[in-house]
Amino acid sequence: MTPQEAIKILENEKPGCGEKARYSEGELCEAFDMAIEALKRDVPVKPIQMATPRRTKFFEFYDWKCPVCNCFLAYEEDGKHLILAHEKSRCSNCFQLIDWSSEDDT
């Protein structure tokens, strides 16, 4: 099922929106599952910090992984600046929202 098909089904299922098209239970479940998964990506999760720091000529930093897809959260270095992963709010692979706040921030 495509996202567009799921949207069409979910819009159809909104209460009070006129005559309804009929969809199978399987189609409804798949559309709702897709919507739930998309919404979960907007709930911030803590990244996984790797145990060993990485060192460059000017910086020492830790690599971080996305807890959803286990992908490394990217950083970029242009020789003068290091754009740390925590400056990026979403995983570039699965688009999960990342919560970079520390326990001290609460």
N, C-alpha and C. Protein backbone atom coordinates (compact mmCIF):
# COMPACT_ATOMS: atom_id res chain seq x y z
N MET A 1 0.86 -1.19 0.00
CA MET A 1 0.00 0.00 0.00
C MET A 1 0.89 1.24 0.00
N THR A 2 0.56 2.18 -0.82
CA THR A 2 1.33 3.42 -0.88
C THR A 2 0.84 4.38 0.21
N PRO A 3 1.66 5.36 0.58
CA PRO A 3 1.18 6.36 1.53
C PRO A 3 -0.07 7.09 1.04
N GLN A 4 -0.14 7.35 -0.26
CA GLN A 4 -1.31 8.04 -0.81
C GLN A 4 -2.58 7.20 -0.63
N GLU A 5 -2.46 5.89 -0.84
CA GLU A 5 -3.61 5.00 -0.64
C GLU A 5 -4.03 4.98 0.82
N ALA A 6 -3.04 4.94 1.73
CA ALA A 6 -3.34 4.94 3.17
C ALA A 6 -4.04 6.23 3.56
N ILE A 7 -3.59 7.35 3.04
CA ILE A 7 -4.22 8.64 3.34
C ILE A 7 -5.67 8.65 2.86
N LYS A 8 -5.89 8.14 1.67
CA LYS A 8 -7.25 8.08 1.12
C LYS A 8 -8.17 7.26 2.03
N ILE A 9 -7.68 6.11 2.49
CA ILE A 9 -8.48 5.26 3.38
C ILE A 9 -8.75 5.96 4.70
N LEU A 10 -7.72 6.56 5.29
CA LEU A 10 -7.89 7.22 6.59
C LEU A 10 -8.83 8.42 6.48
N GLU A 11 -8.71 9.18 5.41
CA GLU A 11 -9.63 10.31 5.22
C GLU A 11 -11.06 9.80 5.07
N ASN A 12 -11.23 8.69 4.42
CA ASN A 12 -12.55 8.08 4.24
C ASN A 12 -13.16 7.66 5.59
N GLU A 13 -12.31 7.26 6.52
CA GLU A 13 -12.79 6.73 7.80
C GLU A 13 -13.09 7.80 8.84
N LYS A 14 -12.78 9.05 8.54
CA LYS A 14 -13.09 10.12 9.49
C LYS A 14 -14.60 10.19 9.70
N PRO A 15 -15.03 10.29 10.97
CA PRO A 15 -16.48 10.38 11.23
C PRO A 15 -17.08 11.66 10.64
N GLY A 16 -18.31 11.56 10.20
CA GLY A 16 -19.05 12.73 9.74
C GLY A 16 -18.57 13.31 8.43
N CYS A 17 -17.92 12.53 7.60
CA CYS A 17 -17.39 13.04 6.33
C CYS A 17 -18.18 12.50 5.14
N GLY A 18 -19.46 12.30 5.33
CA GLY A 18 -20.29 11.89 4.20
C GLY A 18 -20.26 10.40 3.94
N GLU A 19 -20.66 10.03 2.74
CA GLU A 19 -20.74 8.62 2.36
C GLU A 19 -19.35 8.00 2.35
N LYS A 20 -19.28 6.77 2.85
CA LYS A 20 -18.00 6.08 3.00
C LYS A 20 -17.81 5.02 1.92
N ALA A 21 -16.59 4.94 1.41
CA ALA A 21 -16.23 3.82 0.54
C ALA A 21 -15.99 2.61 1.44
N ARG A 22 -16.13 1.43 0.90
CA ARG A 22 -15.92 0.21 1.70
C ARG A 22 -14.51 -0.33 1.43
N TYR A 23 -13.80 -0.56 2.54
CA TYR A 23 -12.46 -1.14 2.47
C TYR A 23 -12.45 -2.40 3.31
N SER A 24 -11.60 -3.35 2.95
CA SER A 24 -11.51 -4.59 3.72
C SER A 24 -10.83 -4.30 5.06
N GLU A 25 -11.02 -5.22 5.99
CA GLU A 25 -10.38 -5.07 7.30
C GLU A 25 -8.87 -5.03 7.15
N GLY A 26 -8.34 -5.83 6.24
CA GLY A 26 -6.89 -5.84 5.99
C GLY A 26 -6.39 -4.49 5.49
N GLU A 27 -7.14 -3.89 4.57
CA GLU A 27 -6.75 -2.57 4.04
C GLU A 27 -6.79 -1.52 5.15
N LEU A 28 -7.84 -1.58 5.98
CA LEU A 28 -7.96 -0.63 7.09
C LEU A 28 -6.80 -0.80 8.07
N CYS A 29 -6.50 -2.05 8.44
CA CYS A 29 -5.41 -2.30 9.38
C CYS A 29 -4.07 -1.80 8.83
N GLU A 30 -3.83 -2.06 7.55
CA GLU A 30 -2.57 -1.62 6.95
C GLU A 30 -2.46 -0.10 6.94
N ALA A 31 -3.56 0.58 6.61
CA ALA A 31 -3.55 2.04 6.60
C ALA A 31 -3.32 2.60 8.00
N PHE A 32 -3.99 2.03 8.99
CA PHE A 32 -3.79 2.50 10.36
C PHE A 32 -2.37 2.20 10.84
N ASP A 33 -1.83 1.04 10.50
CA ASP A 33 -0.45 0.71 10.89
C ASP A 33 0.55 1.70 10.29
N MET A 34 0.34 2.07 9.02
CA MET A 34 1.23 3.04 8.37
C MET A 34 1.15 4.39 9.07
N ALA A 35 -0.05 4.81 9.43
CA ALA A 35 -0.23 6.10 10.11
C ALA A 35 0.44 6.07 11.48
N ILE A 36 0.27 4.98 12.20
CA ILE A 36 0.88 4.86 13.53
C ILE A 36 2.40 4.90 13.43
N GLU A 37 2.97 4.17 12.47
CA GLU A 37 4.43 4.18 12.30
C GLU A 37 4.94 5.57 11.96
N ALA A 38 4.22 6.29 11.12
CA ALA A 38 4.63 7.65 10.77
C ALA A 38 4.59 8.56 11.99
N LEU A 39 3.55 8.43 12.80
CA LEU A 39 3.46 9.26 14.01
C LEU A 39 4.54 8.91 15.02
N LYS A 40 4.90 7.66 15.11
CA LYS A 40 5.97 7.25 16.04
C LYS A 40 7.28 7.95 15.71
N ARG A 41 7.52 8.23 14.43
CA ARG A 41 8.76 8.90 14.02
C ARG A 41 8.83 10.33 14.58
N ASP A 42 7.69 10.87 15.01
CA ASP A 42 7.65 12.22 15.57
C ASP A 42 7.71 12.23 17.09
N VAL A 43 7.86 11.06 17.70
CA VAL A 43 8.06 10.97 19.15
C VAL A 43 9.57 10.86 19.37
N PRO A 44 10.19 11.88 19.99
CA PRO A 44 11.65 11.88 20.13
C PRO A 44 12.15 10.70 20.96
N VAL A 45 13.25 10.07 20.51
CA VAL A 45 13.89 8.99 21.25
C VAL A 45 15.36 9.34 21.46
N LYS A 46 15.91 8.82 22.54
CA LYS A 46 17.32 9.07 22.87
C LYS A 46 18.22 8.27 21.92
N PRO A 47 19.30 8.86 21.43
CA PRO A 47 20.24 8.13 20.59
C PRO A 47 21.11 7.21 21.44
N ILE A 48 21.77 6.28 20.79
CA ILE A 48 22.68 5.35 21.47
C ILE A 48 24.10 5.88 21.29
N GLN A 49 24.78 6.13 22.41
CA GLN A 49 26.16 6.62 22.34
C GLN A 49 27.13 5.45 22.26
N MET A 50 28.06 5.50 21.33
CA MET A 50 29.06 4.46 21.20
C MET A 50 30.07 4.60 22.34
N ALA A 51 30.68 3.50 22.73
CA ALA A 51 31.51 3.46 23.93
C ALA A 51 32.85 4.18 23.78
N THR A 52 33.43 4.15 22.60
CA THR A 52 34.77 4.69 22.40
C THR A 52 34.71 6.00 21.61
N PRO A 53 35.38 7.04 22.13
CA PRO A 53 35.38 8.31 21.38
C PRO A 53 36.25 8.21 20.13
N ARG A 54 35.90 9.04 19.16
CA ARG A 54 36.68 9.15 17.93
C ARG A 54 37.48 10.45 18.02
N ARG A 55 38.69 10.43 17.49
CA ARG A 55 39.54 11.62 17.55
C ARG A 55 39.93 12.06 16.14
N THR A 56 39.90 13.37 15.94
CA THR A 56 40.46 13.95 14.72
C THR A 56 41.56 14.90 15.17
N LYS A 57 42.13 15.62 14.24
CA LYS A 57 43.22 16.55 14.58
C LYS A 57 42.77 17.59 15.60
N PHE A 58 41.52 18.06 15.48
CA PHE A 58 41.05 19.13 16.33
C PHE A 58 39.97 18.72 17.33
N PHE A 59 39.36 17.55 17.13
CA PHE A 59 38.18 17.20 17.92
C PHE A 59 38.27 15.80 18.52
N GLU A 60 37.59 15.62 19.65
CA GLU A 60 37.32 14.30 20.19
C GLU A 60 35.81 14.24 20.39
N PHE A 61 35.18 13.20 19.87
CA PHE A 61 33.73 13.13 19.96
C PHE A 61 33.29 11.68 19.91
N TYR A 62 32.05 11.45 20.30
CA TYR A 62 31.47 10.11 20.26
C TYR A 62 30.57 9.96 19.05
N ASP A 63 30.59 8.77 18.49
CA ASP A 63 29.62 8.44 17.46
C ASP A 63 28.31 8.07 18.15
N TRP A 64 27.21 8.30 17.46
CA TRP A 64 25.88 8.00 17.98
C TRP A 64 25.12 7.19 16.95
N LYS A 65 24.22 6.34 17.44
CA LYS A 65 23.40 5.52 16.55
C LYS A 65 21.92 5.80 16.81
N CYS A 66 21.14 5.67 15.77
CA CYS A 66 19.69 5.78 15.88
C CYS A 66 19.18 4.51 16.56
N PRO A 67 18.36 4.62 17.60
CA PRO A 67 17.85 3.43 18.28
C PRO A 67 16.78 2.69 17.48
N VAL A 68 16.25 3.31 16.42
CA VAL A 68 15.21 2.66 15.61
C VAL A 68 15.82 1.81 14.50
N CYS A 69 16.73 2.40 13.71
CA CYS A 69 17.27 1.67 12.56
C CYS A 69 18.74 1.27 12.74
N ASN A 70 19.35 1.68 13.87
CA ASN A 70 20.73 1.32 14.20
C ASN A 70 21.75 1.95 13.25
N CYS A 71 21.34 2.96 12.51
CA CYS A 71 22.21 3.67 11.58
C CYS A 71 23.03 4.71 12.36
N PHE A 72 24.27 4.92 11.93
CA PHE A 72 25.06 5.97 12.56
C PHE A 72 24.45 7.33 12.24
N LEU A 73 24.38 8.18 13.23
CA LEU A 73 23.88 9.54 13.04
C LEU A 73 25.05 10.35 12.52
N ALA A 74 24.88 10.96 11.39
CA ALA A 74 25.97 11.54 10.61
C ALA A 74 26.57 12.78 11.25
N TYR A 75 27.81 13.01 10.91
CA TYR A 75 28.49 14.25 11.21
C TYR A 75 29.27 14.64 9.97
N GLU A 76 29.64 15.90 9.91
CA GLU A 76 30.42 16.37 8.77
C GLU A 76 31.59 17.18 9.30
N GLU A 77 32.70 17.10 8.62
CA GLU A 77 33.88 17.85 8.99
C GLU A 77 34.41 18.53 7.75
N ASP A 78 34.63 19.84 7.82
CA ASP A 78 35.16 20.54 6.65
C ASP A 78 36.58 21.05 6.91
N GLY A 79 37.25 20.49 7.92
CA GLY A 79 38.61 20.91 8.23
C GLY A 79 38.66 21.94 9.34
N LYS A 80 37.66 22.79 9.42
CA LYS A 80 37.63 23.83 10.44
C LYS A 80 36.47 23.63 11.41
N HIS A 81 35.41 22.98 10.96
CA HIS A 81 34.23 22.83 11.78
C HIS A 81 33.77 21.37 11.80
N LEU A 82 33.23 20.98 12.92
CA LEU A 82 32.63 19.66 13.04
C LEU A 82 31.16 19.86 13.35
N ILE A 83 30.30 19.42 12.45
CA ILE A 83 28.87 19.51 12.68
C ILE A 83 28.48 18.22 13.40
N LEU A 84 28.25 18.33 14.68
CA LEU A 84 27.98 17.14 15.48
C LEU A 84 26.59 16.61 15.20
N ALA A 85 26.43 15.34 15.44
CA ALA A 85 25.15 14.69 15.19
C ALA A 85 24.03 15.36 15.96
N HIS A 86 24.32 15.87 17.16
CA HIS A 86 23.24 16.45 17.95
C HIS A 86 22.72 17.77 17.39
N GLU A 87 23.36 18.27 16.35
CA GLU A 87 22.84 19.46 15.69
C GLU A 87 21.80 19.08 14.63
N LYS A 88 21.60 17.79 14.43
CA LYS A 88 20.61 17.29 13.49
C LYS A 88 19.48 16.66 14.29
N SER A 89 18.26 17.01 13.98
CA SER A 89 17.15 16.57 14.81
C SER A 89 16.54 15.24 14.37
N ARG A 90 16.85 14.77 13.17
CA ARG A 90 16.27 13.51 12.67
C ARG A 90 17.36 12.61 12.09
N CYS A 91 17.13 11.33 12.21
CA CYS A 91 18.00 10.35 11.57
C CYS A 91 17.87 10.52 10.06
N SER A 92 18.98 10.56 9.37
CA SER A 92 18.94 10.75 7.92
C SER A 92 18.51 9.47 7.19
N ASN A 93 18.47 8.35 7.88
CA ASN A 93 18.07 7.09 7.25
C ASN A 93 16.56 6.83 7.41
N CYS A 94 16.05 6.86 8.66
CA CYS A 94 14.64 6.51 8.88
C CYS A 94 13.79 7.71 9.29
N PHE A 95 14.40 8.87 9.47
CA PHE A 95 13.73 10.14 9.80
C PHE A 95 13.13 10.16 11.20
N GLN A 96 13.60 9.26 12.07
CA GLN A 96 13.16 9.27 13.46
C GLN A 96 13.62 10.57 14.11
N LEU A 97 12.73 11.20 14.89
CA LEU A 97 13.08 12.40 15.64
C LEU A 97 13.97 11.98 16.80
N ILE A 98 15.11 12.66 16.96
CA ILE A 98 16.09 12.30 17.99
C ILE A 98 16.04 13.32 19.13
N ASP A 99 16.02 12.81 20.36
CA ASP A 99 16.01 13.64 21.56
C ASP A 99 17.44 13.76 22.07
N TRP A 100 18.07 14.92 21.83
CA TRP A 100 19.46 15.14 22.24
C TRP A 100 19.57 15.76 23.62
N SER A 101 18.47 15.98 24.30
CA SER A 101 18.56 16.58 25.63
C SER A 101 19.26 15.60 26.58
N SER A 102 19.98 16.17 27.52
CA SER A 102 20.63 15.32 28.51
C SER A 102 19.71 15.14 29.70
N GLU A 103 20.05 14.21 30.56
CA GLU A 103 19.25 13.98 31.76
C GLU A 103 19.25 15.24 32.64
N ASP A 104 20.31 16.03 32.54
CA ASP A 104 20.42 17.26 33.33
C ASP A 104 19.48 18.34 32.86
N ASP A 105 18.99 18.24 31.61
CA ASP A 105 18.11 19.27 31.03
C ASP A 105 16.72 19.23 31.63
N THR A 106 16.35 18.17 32.33
CA THR A 106 14.98 18.04 32.84
C THR A 106 14.78 18.77 34.14
